[in-house]
Protein backbone atom coordinates (compact mmCIF):
# COMPACT_ATOMS: atom_id res chain seq x y z
CA MET A 1 4.74 38.62 -22.21
CA LYS A 2 3.64 37.98 -19.07
CA PHE A 3 0.71 35.93 -19.94
CA VAL A 4 3.17 32.05 -18.86
CA LEU A 5 4.63 31.23 -15.68
CA ALA A 6 8.37 31.36 -17.24
CA ARG A 7 8.24 35.01 -18.28
CA ALA A 8 5.15 35.80 -15.40
CA ILE A 9 7.35 35.07 -12.33
CA ALA A 10 10.70 36.26 -13.85
CA THR A 11 8.24 39.53 -13.92
CA LEU A 12 6.62 40.23 -10.66
CA ALA A 13 8.00 43.17 -8.63
CA CYS A 14 10.11 40.87 -6.31
CA VAL A 15 9.19 41.60 -2.15
CA SER A 16 9.95 39.75 0.70
CA ALA A 17 7.90 39.08 3.87
CA LEU A 18 6.37 38.70 7.02
CA SER A 19 8.44 41.48 9.58
CA ALA A 20 6.83 43.08 12.88
CA CYS A 21 10.00 45.19 12.49
CA THR A 22 9.95 49.16 12.04
CA LYS A 23 12.92 50.27 10.22
CA SER A 24 12.99 53.25 9.09
CA ALA A 25 12.32 53.39 4.32
CA ASP A 26 15.14 54.90 4.02
CA ALA A 27 17.88 51.99 5.58
CA PRO A 28 19.10 49.71 4.07
CA ALA A 29 18.42 45.79 5.26
CA GLN A 30 21.13 44.34 7.54
CA LYS A 31 23.40 42.19 4.79
CA PRO A 32 24.76 39.15 6.24
CA THR A 33 27.93 37.72 4.27
CA VAL A 34 27.49 34.92 1.68
CA THR A 35 30.31 34.33 0.19
CA ALA A 36 30.79 32.73 -3.35
CA ALA A 37 32.31 29.21 -1.80
CA GLN A 38 29.24 29.04 0.38
CA ALA A 39 27.32 28.84 -1.81
CA ILE A 40 28.56 26.52 -4.06
CA SER A 41 29.06 24.40 -0.36
CA ALA A 42 25.36 24.50 -0.61
CA ALA A 43 25.12 22.07 -3.49
CA PRO A 44 22.25 22.56 -6.10
CA LEU A 45 19.15 20.20 -4.58
CA THR A 46 17.15 17.77 -7.49
CA GLN A 47 14.04 15.75 -5.89
CA SER A 48 13.91 14.00 -9.01
CA SER A 49 16.77 11.70 -8.65
CA SER A 50 15.06 8.56 -9.00
CA ILE A 51 14.23 9.81 -12.76
CA ASN A 52 17.93 8.52 -14.54
CA TRP A 53 18.22 11.43 -16.05
CA ILE A 54 21.26 11.86 -18.18
CA ARG A 55 22.78 14.37 -17.49
CA THR A 56 25.10 16.67 -20.17
CA ASN A 57 28.54 18.36 -20.02
CA ALA A 58 29.56 18.09 -23.36
CA ILE A 59 28.16 17.84 -27.00
CA ALA A 60 28.96 13.96 -27.12
CA ASP A 61 26.64 13.38 -24.01
CA ILE A 62 23.71 14.45 -25.48
CA ASP A 63 24.72 13.17 -29.34
CA ALA A 64 24.50 9.36 -26.83
CA ALA A 65 21.27 10.17 -25.51
CA PHE A 66 19.58 10.35 -28.99
CA ALA A 67 21.84 7.40 -29.44
CA THR A 68 20.51 5.63 -26.88
CA ALA A 69 16.78 6.68 -27.56
CA ARG A 70 17.14 5.46 -31.44
CA SER A 71 17.92 2.13 -30.62
CA ALA A 72 14.83 1.93 -27.42
CA ASP A 73 12.64 3.36 -29.77
CA LYS A 74 12.11 6.42 -26.95
CA PRO A 75 11.00 10.41 -26.94
CA VAL A 76 13.90 12.65 -25.46
CA PHE A 77 12.67 14.51 -22.80
CA LEU A 78 14.90 17.19 -22.77
CA PHE A 79 14.80 19.61 -19.40
CA TRP A 80 16.77 22.98 -19.74
CA THR A 81 16.81 24.34 -16.27
CA ALA A 82 19.20 26.39 -13.90
CA ALA A 83 19.62 26.04 -9.85
CA TRP A 84 18.81 28.85 -8.47
CA CYS A 85 15.65 29.03 -10.64
CA PRO A 86 12.31 29.51 -9.13
CA PRO A 87 10.03 27.48 -11.79
CA CYS A 88 12.10 25.38 -12.71
CA ASN A 89 11.95 24.64 -8.93
CA HIS A 90 8.58 24.41 -9.21
CA VAL A 91 8.32 21.92 -11.69
CA LYS A 92 10.83 20.06 -10.06
CA ALA A 93 8.74 19.92 -6.52
CA THR A 94 5.45 19.57 -8.18
CA ILE A 95 6.05 17.54 -10.78
CA PHE A 96 9.38 15.42 -10.88
CA THR A 97 8.50 13.85 -7.56
CA ARG A 98 5.48 12.18 -8.85
CA ASP A 99 5.37 8.56 -8.76
CA GLU A 100 3.87 8.59 -11.55
CA PHE A 101 6.40 10.92 -13.29
CA VAL A 102 8.86 8.51 -12.50
CA ALA A 103 7.14 6.04 -13.44
CA LYS A 104 6.86 7.30 -17.23
CA SER A 105 10.56 8.58 -17.02
CA ARG A 106 11.17 4.70 -18.13
CA ALA A 107 8.56 5.24 -21.43
CA PHE A 108 11.63 7.99 -22.23
CA VAL A 109 15.33 8.95 -22.70
CA PRO A 110 15.04 11.87 -20.12
CA VAL A 111 18.51 14.86 -20.71
CA TYR A 112 18.45 17.17 -17.99
CA ILE A 113 21.06 20.37 -19.51
CA ASP A 114 22.04 23.34 -16.89
CA GLY A 115 23.00 26.35 -18.57
CA ASP A 116 25.75 26.56 -16.30
CA THR A 117 27.67 23.20 -17.27
CA PRO A 118 30.37 23.65 -20.09
CA SER A 119 28.18 22.51 -22.96
CA GLY A 120 24.82 24.40 -21.93
CA GLN A 121 25.01 27.26 -24.31
CA ALA A 122 25.51 25.81 -27.28
CA LEU A 123 23.37 23.00 -26.28
CA GLY A 124 20.70 25.56 -25.58
CA LYS A 125 21.33 27.52 -28.78
CA ARG A 126 21.13 23.24 -30.47
CA PHE A 127 17.06 22.92 -29.34
CA ASN A 128 16.35 27.07 -29.53
CA VAL A 129 15.38 27.39 -25.75
CA SER A 130 16.78 30.12 -23.78
CA GLY A 131 13.96 30.56 -21.06
CA TYR A 132 14.75 28.96 -17.52
CA PRO A 133 12.48 25.56 -17.55
CA THR A 134 11.15 25.30 -20.84
CA MET A 135 10.48 21.10 -21.32
CA VAL A 136 10.65 19.58 -24.22
CA LEU A 137 9.55 16.66 -26.01
CA LEU A 138 11.28 14.97 -29.23
CA THR A 139 11.57 12.35 -30.99
CA PRO A 140 14.28 10.15 -31.31
CA ASP A 141 15.18 11.41 -34.48
CA GLY A 142 15.78 14.62 -32.71
CA ASN A 143 12.56 16.62 -34.27
CA GLU A 144 11.01 18.55 -31.71
CA VAL A 145 6.79 17.17 -30.57
CA THR A 146 6.13 19.96 -27.99
CA ARG A 147 6.71 21.99 -25.53
CA LEU A 148 5.63 21.68 -22.30
CA GLU A 149 4.29 24.56 -19.88
CA GLY A 150 4.84 23.56 -15.84
CA SER A 151 2.46 25.99 -14.25
CA VAL A 152 -0.66 23.92 -15.03
CA GLU A 153 -1.72 21.83 -12.02
CA PRO A 154 0.41 17.83 -12.63
CA ALA A 155 -2.58 15.77 -13.22
CA LYS A 156 -3.29 18.30 -15.95
CA TYR A 157 0.85 18.07 -16.97
CA MET A 158 0.68 14.38 -17.39
CA GLN A 159 -2.18 14.32 -19.60
CA LEU A 160 -0.43 16.10 -21.91
CA LEU A 161 2.72 14.70 -20.92
CA ASP A 162 0.74 11.00 -22.38
CA HIS A 163 -0.68 12.66 -25.33
CA GLY A 164 2.66 13.52 -26.47
CA LEU A 165 4.46 10.31 -26.12
CA ALA A 166 1.57 8.49 -27.54
CA GLY A 167 3.01 9.12 -31.22
CA GLY A 168 0.96 11.36 -32.92
CA ALA A 169 0.85 15.19 -34.51
CA SER A 170 3.51 17.26 -33.35
CA ALA A 171 2.43 21.14 -31.80
CA ARG A 172 3.81 22.05 -35.60
CA GLN A 173 1.47 20.49 -37.68
CA LEU A 174 -1.07 20.48 -35.01
CA LEU A 175 -1.13 24.83 -36.04
CA ALA A 176 -0.34 24.31 -39.40
CA SER A 177 -4.01 21.89 -39.17
CA ALA A 178 -5.76 24.64 -36.79
CA LEU A 179 -5.09 27.50 -39.07
CA ALA A 180 -5.98 25.61 -41.88
CA GLY A 181 -9.29 25.60 -41.40
CA LYS A 182 -8.73 21.45 -40.91
CA SER A 183 -11.05 19.51 -37.80
CA LEU A 184 -9.28 18.65 -34.79
CA SER A 185 -9.89 16.18 -32.55
CA ALA A 186 -10.39 17.21 -29.04
CA ALA A 187 -6.85 15.94 -27.42
CA ASP A 188 -5.06 18.03 -30.41
CA TRP A 189 -6.99 21.24 -29.51
CA ARG A 190 -5.99 20.35 -25.89
CA LEU A 191 -2.43 20.52 -26.40
CA LEU A 192 -2.02 23.31 -28.53
CA ALA A 193 -3.76 25.19 -25.58
CA TYR A 194 -1.10 23.94 -22.93
CA TYR A 195 1.28 24.05 -25.46
CA SER A 196 3.57 26.26 -23.73
CA TRP A 197 4.10 29.64 -25.71
CA GLY A 198 6.58 31.58 -23.36
CA THR A 199 8.83 29.27 -24.19
CA ASP A 200 8.26 28.75 -27.89
CA ASP A 201 11.67 31.16 -28.64
CA GLY A 202 10.32 31.47 -32.74
CA GLN A 203 9.85 28.05 -33.17
CA LEU A 204 6.07 27.81 -34.11
CA VAL A 205 5.53 31.46 -34.13
CA ALA A 206 8.12 34.38 -34.22
CA GLU A 207 7.92 36.54 -31.10
CA LYS A 208 5.54 39.61 -33.11
CA ASP A 209 3.10 36.75 -33.88
CA VAL A 210 2.12 35.13 -31.34
CA ALA A 211 -0.59 37.44 -30.14
CA PRO A 212 -3.04 37.23 -33.33
CA THR A 213 -2.45 33.05 -33.75
CA LEU A 214 -3.14 32.82 -30.41
CA LEU A 215 -6.73 34.88 -31.09
CA LYS A 216 -7.47 33.36 -34.58
CA LEU A 217 -6.74 29.74 -32.77
CA ALA A 218 -9.12 30.87 -29.81
CA ARG A 219 -11.70 31.71 -32.02
CA SER A 220 -11.04 28.37 -34.36
CA CYS A 221 -11.07 26.28 -31.69
CA PRO A 222 -14.91 24.67 -31.37
CA PRO A 223 -17.17 25.85 -28.63
CA GLU A 224 -17.73 22.50 -27.07
CA GLN A 225 -13.97 22.13 -25.91
CA ARG A 226 -13.78 24.34 -24.01
CA GLU A 227 -11.26 23.89 -21.87
CA ALA A 228 -8.72 24.25 -24.70
CA SER A 229 -10.68 27.15 -26.09
CA SER A 230 -11.32 29.43 -22.85
CA ARG A 231 -7.43 28.79 -22.34
CA LEU A 232 -6.44 29.80 -26.07
CA LEU A 233 -8.62 32.55 -25.10
CA LEU A 234 -6.72 33.50 -21.84
CA GLN A 235 -3.49 33.43 -23.30
CA ALA A 236 -4.27 35.68 -26.47
CA LEU A 237 -6.03 38.70 -24.57
CA GLY A 238 -2.96 38.21 -22.47
CA ALA A 239 -1.17 38.34 -25.25
CA ALA A 240 -2.95 40.99 -27.01
CA ALA A 241 -2.53 43.45 -23.86
CA THR A 242 0.92 43.15 -24.11
CA THR A 243 2.13 43.07 -27.39
CA LYS A 244 3.02 46.77 -28.41
CA GLY A 245 3.89 48.73 -31.82
CA GLU A 246 2.39 47.45 -34.99
CA ALA A 247 2.11 43.90 -33.73
CA LYS A 248 -0.39 44.55 -31.70
CA PRO A 249 -3.68 43.16 -33.09
CA ASN A 250 -6.94 44.54 -32.98
CA LEU A 251 -9.51 43.78 -31.48
CA ASP A 252 -13.44 44.15 -30.71
CA LYS A 253 -13.60 44.80 -26.78
CA ALA A 254 -16.74 44.79 -25.90
CA ASP A 255 -16.75 41.11 -27.12
CA ALA A 256 -13.38 40.41 -25.83
CA LEU A 257 -14.49 41.41 -22.46
CA ALA A 258 -18.31 39.38 -23.08
CA SER A 259 -15.54 35.97 -23.48
CA PHE A 260 -13.68 37.04 -20.75
CA ASN A 261 -16.77 37.14 -18.33
CA SER A 262 -17.91 33.67 -19.41
CA VAL A 263 -15.52 32.22 -18.54
CA LEU A 264 -14.99 33.93 -14.83
CA ALA A 265 -18.57 32.73 -14.58
CA ARG A 266 -17.61 29.07 -14.49
CA PRO A 267 -15.58 28.12 -11.41
CA GLU A 268 -14.31 24.74 -13.30
CA LEU A 269 -12.51 26.94 -15.74
CA VAL A 270 -10.95 30.04 -13.00
CA ARG A 271 -9.86 26.64 -11.30
CA GLU A 272 -8.56 25.05 -14.65
CA HIS A 273 -7.11 27.77 -15.90
CA TYR A 274 -5.28 29.48 -12.17
CA ASP A 275 -2.38 29.96 -13.66
CA GLN A 276 -3.99 32.47 -16.37
CA LEU A 277 -5.88 33.99 -14.40
CA ALA A 278 -3.17 35.32 -11.71
CA PHE A 279 -0.66 36.34 -14.20
CA ALA A 280 -2.55 38.22 -17.06
CA ALA A 281 -5.61 39.43 -15.29
CA ASP A 282 -4.39 42.83 -14.89
CA ASP A 283 -3.16 43.00 -18.03
CA ILE A 284 -6.44 41.88 -19.92
CA VAL A 285 -8.58 44.38 -17.16
CA GLY A 286 -6.68 47.09 -18.85
CA LEU A 287 -6.66 45.76 -22.18
CA VAL A 288 -11.20 45.13 -22.25
CA THR A 289 -12.13 47.83 -20.17
CA THR A 290 -11.87 51.31 -19.83
CA PRO A 291 -10.17 53.62 -16.56
CA LYS A 292 -12.75 54.35 -13.45
CA SER A 293 -15.50 52.70 -15.73
CA ALA A 294 -18.77 51.27 -14.56
CA GLN A 295 -17.65 47.27 -16.14
CA ARG A 296 -13.99 47.77 -15.18
CA THR A 297 -14.97 48.90 -11.38
CA GLN A 298 -17.04 45.21 -11.99
CA LEU A 299 -15.19 43.42 -13.68
CA ILE A 300 -12.19 43.59 -10.62
CA GLU A 301 -15.00 42.39 -8.34
CA THR A 302 -15.29 39.15 -10.45
CA LEU A 303 -11.88 38.72 -9.95
CA ASN A 304 -11.35 39.59 -6.73
CA THR A 305 -14.43 36.93 -5.98
CA ALA A 306 -12.25 34.17 -8.59
CA PHE A 307 -9.00 34.83 -6.75
CA ASP A 308 -10.67 35.07 -3.78
CA GLY A 309 -11.70 31.42 -4.21
CA LEU A 310 -8.34 29.76 -5.61
CA ALA A 311 -6.37 31.42 -2.72
CA ASN A 312 -8.78 29.43 0.27
CA ASP A 313 -8.43 26.71 -2.32
CA ASN A 314 -6.57 23.77 -0.24
CA THR A 315 -6.73 21.82 -2.98
CA LEU A 316 -4.30 23.83 -4.82
CA GLY A 317 -0.21 23.92 -4.28
CA ASN A 318 1.00 26.64 -2.35
CA ALA A 319 2.47 28.27 -5.62
CA GLY A 320 -0.99 28.75 -6.68
CA ARG A 321 -2.66 29.90 -3.96
CA ILE A 322 0.41 32.48 -3.34
CA TRP A 323 0.58 33.49 -7.79
CA ALA A 324 -3.75 33.84 -6.70
CA THR A 325 -3.28 36.44 -3.88
CA THR A 326 -0.56 38.15 -6.40
CA GLY A 327 -3.32 37.97 -8.85
CA LYS A 328 -6.23 40.06 -6.54
CA VAL A 329 -2.79 42.51 -5.68
CA ALA A 330 -1.97 43.25 -9.17
CA VAL A 331 -5.67 43.45 -10.34
CA ALA A 332 -6.04 46.26 -7.60
CA ARG A 333 -2.56 47.65 -8.86
CA VAL A 334 -5.07 48.28 -12.33
CA GLU A 335 -6.41 51.54 -10.45
CA ASN A 336 -4.00 52.13 -7.91
CA LYS A 337 -0.17 52.10 -9.16
CA GLU A 338 1.87 53.62 -6.37
CA GLY A 339 -0.74 54.62 -3.56
CA ASN A 340 -1.62 52.34 -0.71
CA LEU A 341 -3.45 49.13 -1.06
CA PRO A 342 -6.75 48.44 1.40
CA ALA A 343 -5.65 47.52 4.72
CA PRO A 344 -7.92 44.08 4.23
CA LEU A 345 -5.73 43.31 1.15
CA LEU A 346 -2.39 44.04 2.18
CA ASP A 347 -3.14 41.37 5.52
CA GLU A 348 -4.45 38.79 2.84
CA VAL A 349 -1.34 39.54 1.23
CA ARG A 350 0.74 38.59 5.11
CA ALA A 351 -0.87 35.63 5.56
CA GLN A 352 -0.29 33.97 2.79
CA ALA A 353 3.29 34.70 3.23
CA LEU A 354 3.38 33.57 6.95
CA ARG A 355 1.56 30.19 5.84
CA VAL A 356 3.98 29.41 3.04
CA ASP A 357 7.11 30.50 5.36
CA THR A 358 6.16 28.56 7.88
CA GLU A 359 4.96 25.86 6.59
CA ILE A 360 6.81 24.93 3.06
CA VAL A 361 10.00 23.00 4.24
CA ASP A 362 11.05 21.65 1.96
CA PRO A 363 14.11 23.49 -0.13
CA ILE A 364 13.58 22.88 -3.46
CA GLU A 365 9.93 23.93 -3.02
CA ARG A 366 10.65 26.84 -0.88
CA GLN A 367 13.51 28.53 -3.87
CA SER A 368 10.63 28.64 -5.48
CA VAL A 369 7.17 29.58 -3.58
CA ILE A 370 9.59 31.93 -1.37
CA TYR A 371 10.27 33.82 -3.88
CA SER A 372 6.52 33.62 -5.24
CA ALA A 373 5.89 35.25 -1.43
CA GLY A 374 8.44 38.17 -1.20
CA SER A 375 7.60 39.31 -4.66
CA MET A 376 3.32 39.56 -4.03
CA LEU A 377 5.17 41.35 -0.80
CA ALA A 378 7.04 44.07 -2.54
CA ARG A 379 3.90 44.07 -5.66
CA ALA A 380 1.66 44.91 -2.09
CA GLY A 381 4.09 47.93 -1.09
CA LEU A 382 5.33 46.26 1.55
CA LEU A 383 8.95 46.11 1.31
CA ASP A 384 10.44 46.13 4.54
CA GLU A 385 8.32 42.52 5.41
CA SER A 386 9.25 41.53 1.85
CA ASP A 387 13.26 42.16 2.76
CA ALA A 388 13.11 40.68 5.82
CA LEU A 389 11.30 37.06 3.96
CA MET A 390 14.19 37.42 1.84
CA THR A 391 16.93 38.08 4.40
CA ARG A 392 16.26 35.02 6.03
CA GLU A 393 15.87 33.21 3.37
CA LEU A 394 19.63 34.31 2.28
CA LYS A 395 20.23 31.06 5.28
CA ARG A 396 18.20 28.74 3.58
CA SER A 397 18.46 29.07 0.07
CA HIS A 398 21.23 27.32 -2.12
CA SER A 399 20.95 29.56 -4.21
CA PRO A 400 21.46 32.61 -1.83
CA TYR A 401 22.51 34.65 -4.21
CA TYR A 402 18.74 34.76 -6.43
CA TYR A 403 17.48 36.95 -3.00
CA MET A 404 20.38 39.29 -3.16
CA LEU A 405 18.65 40.46 -6.31
CA VAL A 406 15.36 40.91 -5.08
CA LEU A 407 16.42 43.01 -2.03
CA ALA A 408 18.53 45.24 -4.50
CA SER A 409 14.97 45.63 -6.41
CA ASN A 410 13.53 46.37 -3.90
CA ALA A 411 15.84 48.47 -2.11
CA LYS A 412 15.79 50.32 -5.31
CA LYS A 413 12.18 50.88 -5.75
CA ARG A 414 13.00 52.97 -2.41
CA LYS A 415 14.52 55.55 -4.54
CA THR A 416 15.95 57.31 -1.95
CA PRO A 417 19.79 58.06 -2.15
CA ALA A 418 20.67 55.04 1.13
CA GLY A 419 18.53 52.87 -0.74
CA ASN A 420 20.52 53.17 -3.78
CA LEU A 421 23.28 52.83 -2.47
CA ALA A 422 21.32 49.32 -1.16
CA ALA A 423 20.64 48.61 -4.60
CA ILE A 424 24.39 48.37 -6.29
CA ASP A 425 25.84 46.57 -2.57
CA TRP A 426 22.63 43.95 -2.75
CA ALA A 427 23.42 43.51 -6.19
CA ARG A 428 27.43 43.22 -5.87
CA GLN A 429 27.27 40.36 -3.44
CA GLY A 430 24.31 38.54 -5.56
CA TYR A 431 27.61 38.46 -8.70
CA GLU A 432 29.92 37.73 -6.15
CA ALA A 433 27.86 34.94 -4.19
CA ALA A 434 27.10 33.62 -7.95
CA VAL A 435 27.40 30.02 -9.43
CA GLY A 436 27.76 28.91 -12.51
CA PRO A 437 29.36 30.92 -15.21
CA ALA A 438 25.86 31.19 -17.63
CA THR A 439 25.27 32.75 -13.34
CA ARG A 440 27.95 35.28 -13.13
CA LEU A 441 27.50 36.47 -16.07
CA GLU A 442 23.61 36.78 -15.40
CA TRP A 443 24.43 38.49 -12.31
CA GLY A 444 27.23 40.56 -13.12
CA GLY A 445 25.25 42.47 -16.12
CA ALA A 446 22.66 42.63 -13.68
CA TYR A 447 25.67 44.94 -10.70
CA VAL A 448 26.54 47.03 -13.49
CA ARG A 449 23.22 47.14 -15.07
CA TYR A 450 22.85 49.14 -10.99
CA LEU A 451 25.82 51.26 -11.49
CA ILE A 452 24.56 52.87 -14.61
CA ASP A 453 21.20 53.28 -13.06
CA LEU A 454 22.03 54.55 -9.86
CA ALA A 455 25.65 55.83 -10.20
CA PRO A 456 25.95 56.38 -13.80
CA ASP A 457 29.02 59.26 -12.38
CA ASP A 458 30.99 56.29 -11.03
CA ALA A 459 32.63 55.83 -14.91
CA ALA A 460 36.13 53.71 -12.83
CA ARG A 461 34.02 51.07 -10.71
CA ILE A 462 31.45 50.85 -13.93
CA GLU A 463 34.23 49.80 -16.30
CA THR A 464 36.52 47.95 -13.31
CA SER A 465 32.80 45.62 -13.50
CA ALA A 466 32.08 45.74 -16.72
CA ALA A 467 35.60 44.18 -17.24
CA GLN A 468 35.64 41.68 -14.68
CA VAL A 469 32.71 39.81 -16.24
CA VAL A 470 34.43 39.89 -19.36
CA GLY A 471 37.24 38.78 -17.76
CA GLU A 472 35.26 35.62 -16.85
CA LEU A 473 33.43 34.67 -20.40
CA ARG A 474 34.34 31.43 -20.96
CA THR A 475 35.95 30.07 -24.07
CA GLU A 476 34.79 26.44 -24.88
CA PRO A 477 33.24 26.23 -28.16
CA GLY A 478 29.73 27.82 -28.02
CA ALA A 479 30.03 29.58 -25.01
CA PHE A 480 29.14 32.95 -26.82
CA SER A 481 25.53 32.10 -27.69
CA GLY A 482 21.94 31.34 -26.75
CA ARG A 483 20.77 32.97 -23.75
CA SER A 484 24.48 33.78 -23.04
CA LYS A 485 24.82 35.80 -25.73
CA ARG A 486 21.82 37.72 -25.31
CA THR A 487 22.92 38.53 -21.40
CA LEU A 488 26.47 40.41 -23.19
CA GLU A 489 24.53 42.02 -25.72
CA ARG A 490 22.25 43.47 -23.28
CA LEU A 491 25.18 44.42 -21.32
CA SER A 492 26.78 46.03 -24.15
CA GLY A 493 23.72 47.77 -25.42
CA ARG A 494 23.19 49.82 -21.36
CA LEU A 495 26.69 50.43 -21.77
CA ILE A 496 26.64 51.83 -25.49
CA ALA A 497 23.30 53.98 -24.25
CA TRP A 498 25.71 55.00 -21.10
CA ASN A 499 28.36 55.93 -23.37
CA LYS A 500 25.83 57.95 -25.82
CA ASN A 501 27.37 61.39 -25.42
CA GLY A 502 30.93 59.82 -25.82
CA ARG A 503 32.67 60.33 -22.71
CA HIS A 504 33.29 56.67 -22.53
CA ASP A 505 34.42 55.79 -25.86
CA ALA A 506 37.91 55.16 -24.38
CA ALA A 507 36.76 52.59 -21.78
CA LEU A 508 34.31 51.03 -24.38
CA ALA A 509 37.48 50.25 -26.58
CA ARG A 510 38.78 48.50 -23.60
CA LEU A 511 36.22 46.35 -23.84
CA ASN A 512 36.27 46.28 -26.54
CA ALA A 513 39.64 44.72 -27.19
CA GLN A 514 38.87 42.48 -23.94
CA VAL A 515 36.48 40.44 -25.41
CA ALA A 516 37.80 40.59 -29.47
CA PRO A 517 40.02 37.45 -28.66
CA ILE A 518 37.24 35.59 -26.78
CA CYS A 519 34.79 35.86 -29.36
CA VAL A 520 36.73 33.05 -31.71
CA PRO A 521 36.92 30.03 -30.07
CA ALA A 522 33.36 30.57 -27.60
CA ALA A 523 30.56 31.53 -30.62
CA ALA A 524 29.57 28.82 -32.53
CA ASP A 525 29.53 30.08 -35.95
CA ALA A 526 30.33 32.94 -38.15
CA GLY A 527 27.49 35.13 -37.44
CA ASP A 528 28.11 34.58 -33.78
CA ARG A 529 31.46 35.66 -33.91
CA ALA A 530 30.42 38.77 -35.48
CA ASP A 531 28.14 40.35 -33.71
CA CYS A 532 30.67 39.24 -29.96
CA ALA A 533 33.57 41.87 -32.33
CA ASN A 534 30.95 43.81 -31.86
CA LEU A 535 30.32 44.04 -28.44
CA PHE A 536 30.49 47.73 -26.51
CA LYS A 537 31.51 49.10 -29.85
CA PRO A 538 29.38 52.87 -29.56
CA ALA A 539 26.60 53.38 -32.62
CA ARG A 540 27.73 55.81 -34.07
CA ALA A 541 31.00 53.55 -34.85
């Protein structure tokens, strides 16, 4: 679902910016070599060093953290992250660096879980977190209070954190009360409205029920709670727009359009919920209007005015202003999926990308914002300029392998033989440079996916690459769980689909035999072991 930062940022088209060169669209970008050793030497950076994080390497570390929390009667603040993750770096740069947050961290036990540490994936399963970043506030006994969303303004984040620290009802309790029609305070409605629904992972609501649940909350929230009700409305419409199949809720489109316009008519609400608008406006336009209609034209004009105000708002952070311009591009794409965008809009895109590339020096903020700028350029169709920005960033980033997949995506979009070769090569380089077991599994899976998509007849290379990925799997207890389990299952599914005609049965049998010995030590429980043992088995088997 694209209505929250954690998922939205990952689904944006990847792009880059600001090149005056005029290379052919068929020519692959020049590829500087970045080795794994170089990537490791560029140690992951955090600006939150003044926070007394408990960094977990083993299960015992988290148990000790909760023991400390119980003895001090303090809640636990859990940050699930990865070094390369753009929205994680956004949180580090905009929230964890604030003196106010550092001061508040004395009131809780801050726990930093990197998904690439030996216990990272097992802890992810324990706390039901899989999307980077996930920020969870828990009681000293381990009961979840709420999940916090990192795309909101830092001041709002502090307000929500204060409410969670005050010891009131949990998000789960408030949701039950709201759905039962019970009265909630303004602060309680705010906690529900700003709950991180995109990283809920089925904790409060099953994924298929998110859209109808948000719609019910939006309708139940008292109109005088305008801030909370408008955010719930935007999330509900964004979720409804991206829900497919039988789970898609019934919606009165005329009423939804009127409600959406009522939010856009209030500049203070546009400013407050800029993140929701930036990432969901195009989906909402498609949901509440019909193609080529006067209503759609008018709504797009209204949104463009709102996005112009946000993009030029100097009180909004760099990421927010980039997201606003990206939102304008996304809305333009509603009626123009693949064609050239208007020259004035392309000039705005270039100007925003140039501004952040020139102004942002901090490496953590760059990891987030430059990626967003590159994605914006790509979505606008400026692939060469996106390539130039991403290629330059390889030399500055502590996680250059992340940008290599952006370059692979850009090359694939060119839909040419040369572009396909470049895409595969960038994916290979990214895998070779990736650092950390969970990260290498994801990047290795991406490399195999590019081979399957763009060179499906190269069976030997596909099997060899998949075998390398499997050969690097870790065998610590719980290594095959959580996010890594899902990554490996996706890889298995792609290979099974590639083998739909049975031509590669032998290759899949070899991969299954290779992974089998890993399943027993690496799987967290009997269910995980059974799932692991079924990897790479053809569907008919």
